[in-house]
């Protein structure tokens, strides 16, 4: 998609971090913006900023408080946005949290929280908007925010990694099916490395039980992590530019750096090393099995 002017974008986690960086860049393209976030104060600040950021574009901005885990609220907000700004054809499932929980301290509550926001929030966005987009028959694009940790296991934590691996697989398979069906709707998965946001401290203070655990030592540690990201991470505005380029080029993946490269290579080598030996007989069987698993649908590349 090249000309985005006049379209409507829906951005979860849009009041801060990567979501705000995407919104800023789209504003300069003349895109009407619906930003949703769980932080009401940040939402109001972002709305005021975006309304004045590109006055020559005469864009419209709407802001709604939303917990992306709430399906009913998601649908209600979607209806309000499309009535106010027009049909959403650009969807950014961006809201996310970091886990920071060790295996020794994992709980069902933590699993539900991380997967609820990072994975179910993406599913809710897709299920809410994609059927509408397909029914209209017009071009569109989805960007799902995963992570470099969705491609290879890092030190980001097993809960976070689980959720991001799922988002990558969802995005890849959804892209293939939408292309095979000729919908004209593209899908990109954003896999950022370190970005200058406050996600670590925000996530740690929002997680279940955090208020009871919080102390000056913990807050100091979180501040150090966020300061490191601010100093060494890619800026949110740079990420916004990368995302726009990814949409324009219908890229399957959008990366902010090459930090995961070695890990991805090692993971691929490990997988290949564990595959059984190939023979002419099982090569034919493998090809037929893959065809059946794909439901006979054509496979498409990036």
C-alpha atoms as a PDB file:
ATOM      1  CA  UNK A   1       0.000   0.000   0.000  1.00  0.00           C
ATOM      2  CA  UNK A   2       1.478   3.290  -1.072  1.00  0.00           C
ATOM      3  CA  UNK A   3      -1.130   6.024  -0.594  1.00  0.00           C
ATOM      4  CA  UNK A   4      -2.459   6.023   2.959  1.00  0.00           C
ATOM      5  CA  UNK A   5      -3.913   9.523   3.042  1.00  0.00           C
ATOM      6  CA  UNK A   6      -7.528   9.619   4.168  1.00  0.00           C
ATOM      7  CA  UNK A   7      -7.495   6.086   5.570  1.00  0.00           C
ATOM      8  CA  UNK A   8      -8.309   5.252   9.184  1.00  0.00           C
ATOM      9  CA  UNK A   9      -5.840   3.484  11.463  1.00  0.00           C
ATOM     10  CA  UNK A  10      -6.605   1.731  14.751  1.00  0.00           C
ATOM     11  CA  UNK A  11      -3.584   1.476  17.066  1.00  0.00           C
ATOM     12  CA  UNK A  12      -3.594  -0.437  20.348  1.00  0.00           C
ATOM     13  CA  UNK A  13      -1.051   0.748  22.892  1.00  0.00           C
ATOM     14  CA  UNK A  14      -1.171   3.947  20.850  1.00  0.00           C
ATOM     15  CA  UNK A  15      -0.630   6.483  23.601  1.00  0.00           C
ATOM     16  CA  UNK A  16       3.036   5.775  24.222  1.00  0.00           C
ATOM     17  CA  UNK A  17       6.087   3.868  23.038  1.00  0.00           C
ATOM     18  CA  UNK A  18       6.068   2.232  19.618  1.00  0.00           C
ATOM     19  CA  UNK A  19       2.337   2.838  19.200  1.00  0.00           C
ATOM     20  CA  UNK A  20       2.806   6.575  19.561  1.00  0.00           C
ATOM     21  CA  UNK A  21       5.763   6.509  17.158  1.00  0.00           C
ATOM     22  CA  UNK A  22       3.566   4.786  14.559  1.00  0.00           C
ATOM     23  CA  UNK A  23       0.748   7.273  15.138  1.00  0.00           C
ATOM     24  CA  UNK A  24       3.067  10.258  14.712  1.00  0.00           C
ATOM     25  CA  UNK A  25       4.329   8.946  11.378  1.00  0.00           C
ATOM     26  CA  UNK A  26       0.872   8.109  10.076  1.00  0.00           C
ATOM     27  CA  UNK A  27      -0.361  11.572  11.036  1.00  0.00           C
ATOM     28  CA  UNK A  28       2.142  13.082   8.612  1.00  0.00           C
ATOM     29  CA  UNK A  29       0.717  10.797   5.905  1.00  0.00           C
ATOM     30  CA  UNK A  30      -2.766  12.221   6.448  1.00  0.00           C
ATOM     31  CA  UNK A  31      -4.157   9.110   8.169  1.00  0.00           C
ATOM     32  CA  UNK A  32      -7.070   9.476  10.584  1.00  0.00           C
ATOM     33  CA  UNK A  33      -6.094   7.968  13.908  1.00  0.00           C
ATOM     34  CA  UNK A  34      -7.909   5.949  16.527  1.00  0.00           C
ATOM     35  CA  UNK A  35      -5.525   5.376  19.417  1.00  0.00           C
ATOM     36  CA  UNK A  36      -6.477   3.109  22.300  1.00  0.00           C
ATOM     37  CA  UNK A  37      -4.584   2.463  25.488  1.00  0.00           C
ATOM     38  CA  UNK A  38      -5.197   1.417  29.068  1.00  0.00           C
ATOM     39  CA  UNK A  39      -3.518   4.607  30.367  1.00  0.00           C
ATOM     40  CA  UNK A  40      -6.126   7.392  30.271  1.00  0.00           C
ATOM     41  CA  UNK A  41      -3.681  10.189  31.142  1.00  0.00           C
ATOM     42  CA  UNK A  42      -1.213   9.186  28.441  1.00  0.00           C
ATOM     43  CA  UNK A  43      -4.106   8.916  25.968  1.00  0.00           C
ATOM     44  CA  UNK A  44      -5.159  12.502  26.508  1.00  0.00           C
ATOM     45  CA  UNK A  45      -1.614  13.776  26.107  1.00  0.00           C
ATOM     46  CA  UNK A  46      -1.143  11.752  22.910  1.00  0.00           C
ATOM     47  CA  UNK A  47      -4.459  12.938  21.484  1.00  0.00           C
ATOM     48  CA  UNK A  48      -3.566  16.595  22.027  1.00  0.00           C
ATOM     49  CA  UNK A  49      -0.131  16.075  20.496  1.00  0.00           C
ATOM     50  CA  UNK A  50      -1.417  14.254  17.422  1.00  0.00           C
ATOM     51  CA  UNK A  51      -4.173  16.752  16.735  1.00  0.00           C
ATOM     52  CA  UNK A  52      -1.608  19.525  16.431  1.00  0.00           C
ATOM     53  CA  UNK A  53       1.235  17.485  14.904  1.00  0.00           C
ATOM     54  CA  UNK A  54       0.136  17.722  11.279  1.00  0.00           C
ATOM     55  CA  UNK A  55      -2.468  20.499  10.978  1.00  0.00           C
ATOM     56  CA  UNK A  56      -1.919  20.796   7.218  1.00  0.00           C
ATOM     57  CA  UNK A  57      -3.226  17.237   6.845  1.00  0.00           C
ATOM     58  CA  UNK A  58      -6.532  18.022   8.615  1.00  0.00           C
ATOM     59  CA  UNK A  59      -6.580  14.576  10.190  1.00  0.00           C
ATOM     60  CA  UNK A  60      -9.095  13.446  12.765  1.00  0.00           C
ATOM     61  CA  UNK A  61      -7.938  11.838  16.014  1.00  0.00           C
ATOM     62  CA  UNK A  62      -9.999   9.794  18.454  1.00  0.00           C
ATOM     63  CA  UNK A  63      -8.747   8.336  21.731  1.00  0.00           C
ATOM     64  CA  UNK A  64     -10.374   5.577  23.773  1.00  0.00           C
ATOM     65  CA  UNK A  65      -9.399   3.841  26.980  1.00  0.00           C
ATOM     66  CA  UNK A  66      -9.390   0.090  26.290  1.00  0.00           C
ATOM     67  CA  UNK A  67      -8.111  -3.085  27.872  1.00  0.00           C
ATOM     68  CA  UNK A  68      -7.366  -5.203  24.782  1.00  0.00           C
ATOM     69  CA  UNK A  69      -8.294  -8.364  26.702  1.00  0.00           C
ATOM     70  CA  UNK A  70     -11.934  -7.215  26.887  1.00  0.00           C
ATOM     71  CA  UNK A  71     -13.630  -8.499  23.723  1.00  0.00           C
ATOM     72  CA  UNK A  72     -16.959  -6.797  24.322  1.00  0.00           C
ATOM     73  CA  UNK A  73     -15.340  -3.428  24.969  1.00  0.00           C
ATOM     74  CA  UNK A  74     -13.111  -3.944  21.909  1.00  0.00           C
ATOM     75  CA  UNK A  75     -16.158  -4.391  19.666  1.00  0.00           C
ATOM     76  CA  UNK A  76     -17.924  -1.378  21.181  1.00  0.00           C
ATOM     77  CA  UNK A  77     -14.907   0.868  20.642  1.00  0.00           C
ATOM     78  CA  UNK A  78     -14.509  -0.444  17.085  1.00  0.00           C
ATOM     79  CA  UNK A  79     -18.113   0.508  16.291  1.00  0.00           C
ATOM     80  CA  UNK A  80     -17.616   4.001  17.724  1.00  0.00           C
ATOM     81  CA  UNK A  81     -14.376   4.519  15.817  1.00  0.00           C
ATOM     82  CA  UNK A  82     -15.801   3.481  12.439  1.00  0.00           C
ATOM     83  CA  UNK A  83     -18.896   5.615  12.951  1.00  0.00           C
ATOM     84  CA  UNK A  84     -16.734   8.612  13.816  1.00  0.00           C
ATOM     85  CA  UNK A  85     -13.679   8.214  11.555  1.00  0.00           C
ATOM     86  CA  UNK A  86     -14.773   5.809   8.830  1.00  0.00           C
ATOM     87  CA  UNK A  87     -13.873   2.177   8.112  1.00  0.00           C
ATOM     88  CA  UNK A  88     -10.609   0.964   9.614  1.00  0.00           C
ATOM     89  CA  UNK A  89      -8.274  -0.374   6.921  1.00  0.00           C
ATOM     90  CA  UNK A  90      -5.000  -0.100   8.878  1.00  0.00           C
ATOM     91  CA  UNK A  91      -4.837  -2.161  12.056  1.00  0.00           C
ATOM     92  CA  UNK A  92      -1.915  -2.097  14.478  1.00  0.00           C
ATOM     93  CA  UNK A  93      -2.108  -4.742  17.208  1.00  0.00           C
ATOM     94  CA  UNK A  94       0.677  -3.197  19.241  1.00  0.00           C
ATOM     95  CA  UNK A  95      -0.277  -3.283  22.948  1.00  0.00           C
ATOM     96  CA  UNK A  96       2.065  -5.446  24.968  1.00  0.00           C
ATOM     97  CA  UNK A  97       3.653  -6.079  28.342  1.00  0.00           C
ATOM     98  CA  UNK A  98       6.966  -7.496  29.534  1.00  0.00           C
ATOM     99  CA  UNK A  99       6.824 -10.333  32.050  1.00  0.00           C
ATOM    100  CA  UNK A 100       9.986 -10.324  34.159  1.00  0.00           C
ATOM    101  CA  UNK A 101       8.957 -13.488  36.010  1.00  0.00           C
ATOM    102  CA  UNK A 102      11.272 -16.420  36.654  1.00  0.00           C
ATOM    103  CA  UNK A 103      10.253 -20.080  36.400  1.00  0.00           C
ATOM    104  CA  UNK A 104      10.377 -20.281  40.188  1.00  0.00           C
ATOM    105  CA  UNK A 105       7.757 -17.531  40.529  1.00  0.00           C
ATOM    106  CA  UNK A 106       5.388 -18.280  37.646  1.00  0.00           C
ATOM    107  CA  UNK A 107       1.665 -18.447  38.414  1.00  0.00           C
ATOM    108  CA  UNK A 108      -1.516 -18.992  36.431  1.00  0.00           C
ATOM    109  CA  UNK A 109      -2.306 -15.333  37.075  1.00  0.00           C
ATOM    110  CA  UNK A 110       0.923 -14.261  35.376  1.00  0.00           C
ATOM    111  CA  UNK A 111       0.338 -16.607  32.425  1.00  0.00           C
ATOM    112  CA  UNK A 112      -3.154 -15.176  31.961  1.00  0.00           C
ATOM    113  CA  UNK A 113      -1.914 -11.596  32.160  1.00  0.00           C
ATOM    114  CA  UNK A 114       0.968 -11.891  29.690  1.00  0.00           C
ATOM    115  CA  UNK A 115      -0.847 -14.097  27.172  1.00  0.00           C
ATOM    116  CA  UNK A 116      -4.026 -12.071  27.641  1.00  0.00           C
ATOM    117  CA  UNK A 117      -2.395  -8.811  26.571  1.00  0.00           C
ATOM    118  CA  UNK A 118       0.357  -9.966  24.190  1.00  0.00           C
ATOM    119  CA  UNK A 119      -1.513 -12.723  22.355  1.00  0.00           C
ATOM    120  CA  UNK A 120      -5.236 -12.519  23.067  1.00  0.00           C
ATOM    121  CA  UNK A 121      -5.130  -8.767  22.538  1.00  0.00           C
ATOM    122  CA  UNK A 122      -3.803  -9.404  19.017  1.00  0.00           C
ATOM    123  CA  UNK A 123      -6.462 -12.073  18.409  1.00  0.00           C
ATOM    124  CA  UNK A 124      -9.179  -9.706  19.607  1.00  0.00           C
ATOM    125  CA  UNK A 125      -7.997  -6.997  17.232  1.00  0.00           C
ATOM    126  CA  UNK A 126      -7.917  -9.389  14.287  1.00  0.00           C
ATOM    127  CA  UNK A 127     -11.284 -10.971  15.070  1.00  0.00           C
ATOM    128  CA  UNK A 128     -12.902  -7.570  15.579  1.00  0.00           C
ATOM    129  CA  UNK A 129     -11.665  -5.853  12.426  1.00  0.00           C
ATOM    130  CA  UNK A 130     -10.535  -8.412   9.850  1.00  0.00           C
ATOM    131  CA  UNK A 131     -14.016  -9.794   9.008  1.00  0.00           C
ATOM    132  CA  UNK A 132     -15.182  -6.204   8.420  1.00  0.00           C
ATOM    133  CA  UNK A 133     -12.201  -5.502   6.175  1.00  0.00           C
ATOM    134  CA  UNK A 134     -12.740  -8.688   4.144  1.00  0.00           C
ATOM    135  CA  UNK A 135     -16.464  -7.968   3.760  1.00  0.00           C
ATOM    136  CA  UNK A 136     -15.746  -4.502   2.367  1.00  0.00           C
ATOM    137  CA  UNK A 137     -13.417  -5.984  -0.235  1.00  0.00           C
ATOM    138  CA  UNK A 138     -10.989  -3.064  -0.086  1.00  0.00           C
ATOM    139  CA  UNK A 139      -7.225  -3.112   0.409  1.00  0.00           C
ATOM    140  CA  UNK A 140      -5.894  -2.973   3.938  1.00  0.00           C
ATOM    141  CA  UNK A 141      -2.948  -3.858   6.120  1.00  0.00           C
ATOM    142  CA  UNK A 142      -2.371  -5.386   9.550  1.00  0.00           C
ATOM    143  CA  UNK A 143       0.783  -4.943  11.618  1.00  0.00           C
ATOM    144  CA  UNK A 144       1.151  -7.205  14.661  1.00  0.00           C
ATOM    145  CA  UNK A 145       3.866  -6.292  17.146  1.00  0.00           C
ATOM    146  CA  UNK A 146       5.917  -9.284  18.243  1.00  0.00           C
ATOM    147  CA  UNK A 147       9.622  -9.080  19.131  1.00  0.00           C
ATOM    148  CA  UNK A 148      13.031 -10.399  18.244  1.00  0.00           C
ATOM    149  CA  UNK A 149      12.205 -12.777  21.100  1.00  0.00           C
ATOM    150  CA  UNK A 150       9.467 -14.196  18.878  1.00  0.00           C
ATOM    151  CA  UNK A 151      12.080 -15.607  16.498  1.00  0.00           C
ATOM    152  CA  UNK A 152      14.647 -17.029  18.888  1.00  0.00           C
ATOM    153  CA  UNK A 153      14.750 -17.506  22.637  1.00  0.00           C
ATOM    154  CA  UNK A 154      16.481 -14.595  24.362  1.00  0.00           C
ATOM    155  CA  UNK A 155      16.832 -13.471  27.965  1.00  0.00           C
ATOM    156  CA  UNK A 156      13.448 -11.721  27.711  1.00  0.00           C
ATOM    157  CA  UNK A 157      11.776 -14.460  29.764  1.00  0.00           C
ATOM    158  CA  UNK A 158       9.795 -17.565  28.841  1.00  0.00           C
ATOM    159  CA  UNK A 159       6.350 -15.984  29.351  1.00  0.00           C
ATOM    160  CA  UNK A 160       7.105 -13.066  27.056  1.00  0.00           C
ATOM    161  CA  UNK A 161       8.841 -15.333  24.529  1.00  0.00           C
ATOM    162  CA  UNK A 162       5.872 -17.704  24.433  1.00  0.00           C
ATOM    163  CA  UNK A 163       3.479 -14.881  23.614  1.00  0.00           C
ATOM    164  CA  UNK A 164       5.716 -13.370  20.939  1.00  0.00           C
ATOM    165  CA  UNK A 165       6.444 -16.683  19.196  1.00  0.00           C
ATOM    166  CA  UNK A 166       2.670 -17.106  18.906  1.00  0.00           C
ATOM    167  CA  UNK A 167       2.237 -13.657  17.367  1.00  0.00           C
ATOM    168  CA  UNK A 168       4.919 -14.399  14.759  1.00  0.00           C
ATOM    169  CA  UNK A 169       3.304 -17.711  13.776  1.00  0.00           C
ATOM    170  CA  UNK A 170      -0.156 -16.150  13.687  1.00  0.00           C
ATOM    171  CA  UNK A 171       1.076 -13.332  11.436  1.00  0.00           C
ATOM    172  CA  UNK A 172       2.944 -15.603   9.028  1.00  0.00           C
ATOM    173  CA  UNK A 173       0.039 -18.009   8.550  1.00  0.00           C
ATOM    174  CA  UNK A 174      -2.583 -15.265   8.356  1.00  0.00           C
ATOM    175  CA  UNK A 175      -0.538 -13.458   5.705  1.00  0.00           C
ATOM    176  CA  UNK A 176      -0.350 -16.626   3.610  1.00  0.00           C
ATOM    177  CA  UNK A 177      -4.080 -17.271   3.809  1.00  0.00           C
ATOM    178  CA  UNK A 178      -5.078 -13.697   3.009  1.00  0.00           C
ATOM    179  CA  UNK A 179      -2.743 -13.672   0.003  1.00  0.00           C
ATOM    180  CA  UNK A 180      -3.994 -17.046  -1.234  1.00  0.00           C
ATOM    181  CA  UNK A 181      -7.577 -15.782  -0.979  1.00  0.00           C
ATOM    182  CA  UNK A 182      -6.725 -12.644  -2.962  1.00  0.00           C
ATOM    183  CA  UNK A 183      -8.111 -10.284  -0.327  1.00  0.00           C
ATOM    184  CA  UNK A 184      -5.703  -7.427  -0.957  1.00  0.00           C
ATOM    185  CA  UNK A 185      -5.041  -7.268   2.793  1.00  0.00           C
ATOM    186  CA  UNK A 186      -1.398  -7.460   3.817  1.00  0.00           C
ATOM    187  CA  UNK A 187       0.070  -8.616   7.113  1.00  0.00           C
ATOM    188  CA  UNK A 188       3.411  -7.630   8.607  1.00  0.00           C
ATOM    189  CA  UNK A 189       4.879  -8.728  11.907  1.00  0.00           C
ATOM    190  CA  UNK A 190       6.987  -6.128  13.690  1.00  0.00           C
ATOM    191  CA  UNK A 191       9.929  -7.714  15.528  1.00  0.00           C
ATOM    192  CA  UNK A 192      11.678  -4.890  17.357  1.00  0.00           C
ATOM    193  CA  UNK A 193      14.885  -5.142  19.304  1.00  0.00           C
ATOM    194  CA  UNK A 194      15.605  -2.625  22.082  1.00  0.00           C
ATOM    195  CA  UNK A 195      13.444   0.489  21.637  1.00  0.00           C
ATOM    196  CA  UNK A 196      13.540   3.660  23.729  1.00  0.00           C
ATOM    197  CA  UNK A 197      10.276   3.200  25.633  1.00  0.00           C
ATOM    198  CA  UNK A 198       9.246   2.795  29.252  1.00  0.00           C
ATOM    199  CA  UNK A 199       7.684  -0.630  28.712  1.00  0.00           C
ATOM    200  CA  UNK A 200       9.759  -2.380  31.357  1.00  0.00           C
ATOM    201  CA  UNK A 201       8.776  -0.185  34.309  1.00  0.00           C
ATOM    202  CA  UNK A 202       5.187   0.219  33.086  1.00  0.00           C
ATOM    203  CA  UNK A 203       4.806  -3.541  32.737  1.00  0.00           C
ATOM    204  CA  UNK A 204       6.392  -4.340  36.065  1.00  0.00           C
ATOM    205  CA  UNK A 205       4.094  -1.925  37.896  1.00  0.00           C
ATOM    206  CA  UNK A 206       1.000  -3.141  36.029  1.00  0.00           C
ATOM    207  CA  UNK A 207       1.524  -6.859  36.526  1.00  0.00           C
ATOM    208  CA  UNK A 208      -0.577  -8.753  39.099  1.00  0.00           C
ATOM    209  CA  UNK A 209       0.646  -8.203  42.650  1.00  0.00           C
ATOM    210  CA  UNK A 210       3.173  -5.528  41.685  1.00  0.00           C
ATOM    211  CA  UNK A 211       1.853  -2.860  44.024  1.00  0.00           C
ATOM    212  CA  UNK A 212       2.403  -5.133  47.007  1.00  0.00           C
ATOM    213  CA  UNK A 213       5.927  -6.045  45.865  1.00  0.00           C
ATOM    214  CA  UNK A 214       7.039  -2.532  44.921  1.00  0.00           C
ATOM    215  CA  UNK A 215       9.865  -0.976  46.915  1.00  0.00           C
ATOM    216  CA  UNK A 216      12.548   1.635  46.333  1.00  0.00           C
ATOM    217  CA  UNK A 217      15.130  -0.981  45.253  1.00  0.00           C
ATOM    218  CA  UNK A 218      12.789  -2.448  42.631  1.00  0.00           C
ATOM    219  CA  UNK A 219      11.829   0.985  41.292  1.00  0.00           C
ATOM    220  CA  UNK A 220      15.479   1.967  41.055  1.00  0.00           C
ATOM    221  CA  UNK A 221      16.286  -1.225  39.131  1.00  0.00           C
ATOM    222  CA  UNK A 222      13.419  -0.658  36.695  1.00  0.00           C
ATOM    223  CA  UNK A 223      14.514   2.919  36.135  1.00  0.00           C
ATOM    224  CA  UNK A 224      18.032   1.708  35.277  1.00  0.00           C
ATOM    225  CA  UNK A 225      16.662  -0.692  32.639  1.00  0.00           C
ATOM    226  CA  UNK A 226      14.479   1.980  31.055  1.00  0.00           C
ATOM    227  CA  UNK A 227      17.339   4.488  31.072  1.00  0.00           C
ATOM    228  CA  UNK A 228      19.536   1.936  29.287  1.00  0.00           C
ATOM    229  CA  UNK A 229      16.863   1.509  26.607  1.00  0.00           C
ATOM    230  CA  UNK A 230      16.514   5.271  26.260  1.00  0.00           C
ATOM    231  CA  UNK A 231      20.267   5.601  25.726  1.00  0.00           C
ATOM    232  CA  UNK A 232      20.844   2.580  23.460  1.00  0.00           C
ATOM    233  CA  UNK A 233      17.484   1.686  21.948  1.00  0.00           C
ATOM    234  CA  UNK A 234      16.031   2.802  18.626  1.00  0.00           C
ATOM    235  CA  UNK A 235      13.743   5.825  18.940  1.00  0.00           C
ATOM    236  CA  UNK A 236       9.990   5.338  18.637  1.00  0.00           C
ATOM    237  CA  UNK A 237       9.914   7.793  15.735  1.00  0.00           C
ATOM    238  CA  UNK A 238      12.494   5.729  13.859  1.00  0.00           C
ATOM    239  CA  UNK A 239      10.337   2.648  14.418  1.00  0.00           C
ATOM    240  CA  UNK A 240       7.337   4.554  13.064  1.00  0.00           C
ATOM    241  CA  UNK A 241       9.281   5.240   9.858  1.00  0.00           C
ATOM    242  CA  UNK A 242      10.267   1.575   9.579  1.00  0.00           C
ATOM    243  CA  UNK A 243       6.660   0.483   9.996  1.00  0.00           C
ATOM    244  CA  UNK A 244       5.479   2.868   7.284  1.00  0.00           C
ATOM    245  CA  UNK A 245       8.128   1.480   4.916  1.00  0.00           C
ATOM    246  CA  UNK A 246       7.021  -2.045   5.795  1.00  0.00           C
ATOM    247  CA  UNK A 247       3.421  -1.243   4.870  1.00  0.00           C
ATOM    248  CA  UNK A 248       4.445   0.481   1.640  1.00  0.00           C
ATOM    249  CA  UNK A 249       6.506  -2.566   0.629  1.00  0.00           C
ATOM    250  CA  UNK A 250       4.066  -5.164   2.012  1.00  0.00           C
ATOM    251  CA  UNK A 251       6.943  -6.649   4.015  1.00  0.00           C
ATOM    252  CA  UNK A 252       6.330  -9.912   5.847  1.00  0.00           C
ATOM    253  CA  UNK A 253       8.704  -8.839   8.637  1.00  0.00           C
ATOM    254  CA  UNK A 254       9.725  -5.455   9.994  1.00  0.00           C
ATOM    255  CA  UNK A 255      12.959  -5.343  12.007  1.00  0.00           C
ATOM    256  CA  UNK A 256      14.504  -2.456  13.901  1.00  0.00           C
ATOM    257  CA  UNK A 257      18.027  -3.934  14.021  1.00  0.00           C
ATOM    258  CA  UNK A 258      20.004  -7.147  13.420  1.00  0.00           C
ATOM    259  CA  UNK A 259      20.577  -8.064  17.067  1.00  0.00           C
ATOM    260  CA  UNK A 260      18.641 -11.336  16.792  1.00  0.00           C
ATOM    261  CA  UNK A 261      20.543 -12.478  13.695  1.00  0.00           C
ATOM    262  CA  UNK A 262      23.020 -14.836  15.381  1.00  0.00           C
ATOM    263  CA  UNK A 263      20.319 -16.350  17.577  1.00  0.00           C
ATOM    264  CA  UNK A 264      18.054 -16.965  14.580  1.00  0.00           C
ATOM    265  CA  UNK A 265      20.917 -18.611  12.682  1.00  0.00           C
ATOM    266  CA  UNK A 266      21.788 -20.860  15.628  1.00  0.00           C
ATOM    267  CA  UNK A 267      18.148 -21.823  16.143  1.00  0.00           C
ATOM    268  CA  UNK A 268      17.764 -22.689  12.459  1.00  0.00           C
ATOM    269  CA  UNK A 269      20.941 -24.793  12.543  1.00  0.00           C
ATOM    270  CA  UNK A 270      19.680 -26.623  15.619  1.00  0.00           C
ATOM    271  CA  UNK A 271      16.328 -27.386  13.976  1.00  0.00           C
ATOM    272  CA  UNK A 272      17.949 -28.626  10.767  1.00  0.00           C
ATOM    273  CA  UNK A 273      20.370 -30.799  12.726  1.00  0.00           C
ATOM    274  CA  UNK A 274      17.466 -32.537  14.471  1.00  0.00           C
ATOM    275  CA  UNK A 275      15.489 -33.366  11.307  1.00  0.00           C
ATOM    276  CA  UNK A 276      15.583 -37.042  10.253  1.00  0.00           C
ATOM    277  CA  UNK A 277      17.724 -38.007   7.254  1.00  0.00           C
ATOM    278  CA  UNK A 278      16.067 -37.349   3.889  1.00  0.00           C
ATOM    279  CA  UNK A 279      15.447 -40.049   1.293  1.00  0.00           C
ATOM    280  CA  UNK A 280      13.657 -39.984  -2.059  1.00  0.00           C
ATOM    281  CA  UNK A 281      10.772 -41.933  -0.545  1.00  0.00           C
ATOM    282  CA  UNK A 282      10.102 -39.714   2.470  1.00  0.00           C
ATOM    283  CA  UNK A 283      10.707 -36.578   0.376  1.00  0.00           C
ATOM    284  CA  UNK A 284       7.620 -37.463  -1.677  1.00  0.00           C
ATOM    285  CA  UNK A 285       5.663 -38.301   1.481  1.00  0.00           C
ATOM    286  CA  UNK A 286       6.738 -35.017   3.104  1.00  0.00           C
ATOM    287  CA  UNK A 287       5.582 -33.011   0.080  1.00  0.00           C
ATOM    288  CA  UNK A 288       2.151 -34.657   0.090  1.00  0.00           C
ATOM    289  CA  UNK A 289       1.815 -34.235   3.868  1.00  0.00           C
ATOM    290  CA  UNK A 290       2.634 -30.533   3.670  1.00  0.00           C
ATOM    291  CA  UNK A 291       0.029 -30.109   0.942  1.00  0.00           C
ATOM    292  CA  UNK A 292      -2.608 -31.747   3.141  1.00  0.00           C
ATOM    293  CA  UNK A 293      -1.626 -29.672   6.169  1.00  0.00           C
ATOM    294  CA  UNK A 294      -1.939 -26.522   4.079  1.00  0.00           C
ATOM    295  CA  UNK A 295      -5.420 -27.547   3.028  1.00  0.00           C
ATOM    296  CA  UNK A 296      -4.357 -27.473  -0.592  1.00  0.00           C
ATOM    297  CA  UNK A 297      -3.958 -23.689  -0.437  1.00  0.00           C
ATOM    298  CA  UNK A 298      -1.086 -22.109  -2.337  1.00  0.00           C
ATOM    299  CA  UNK A 299       1.808 -20.913  -0.255  1.00  0.00           C
ATOM    300  CA  UNK A 300       3.146 -17.456  -0.745  1.00  0.00           C
ATOM    301  CA  UNK A 301       6.455 -15.962   0.199  1.00  0.00           C
ATOM    302  CA  UNK A 302       7.302 -12.563   1.560  1.00  0.00           C
END
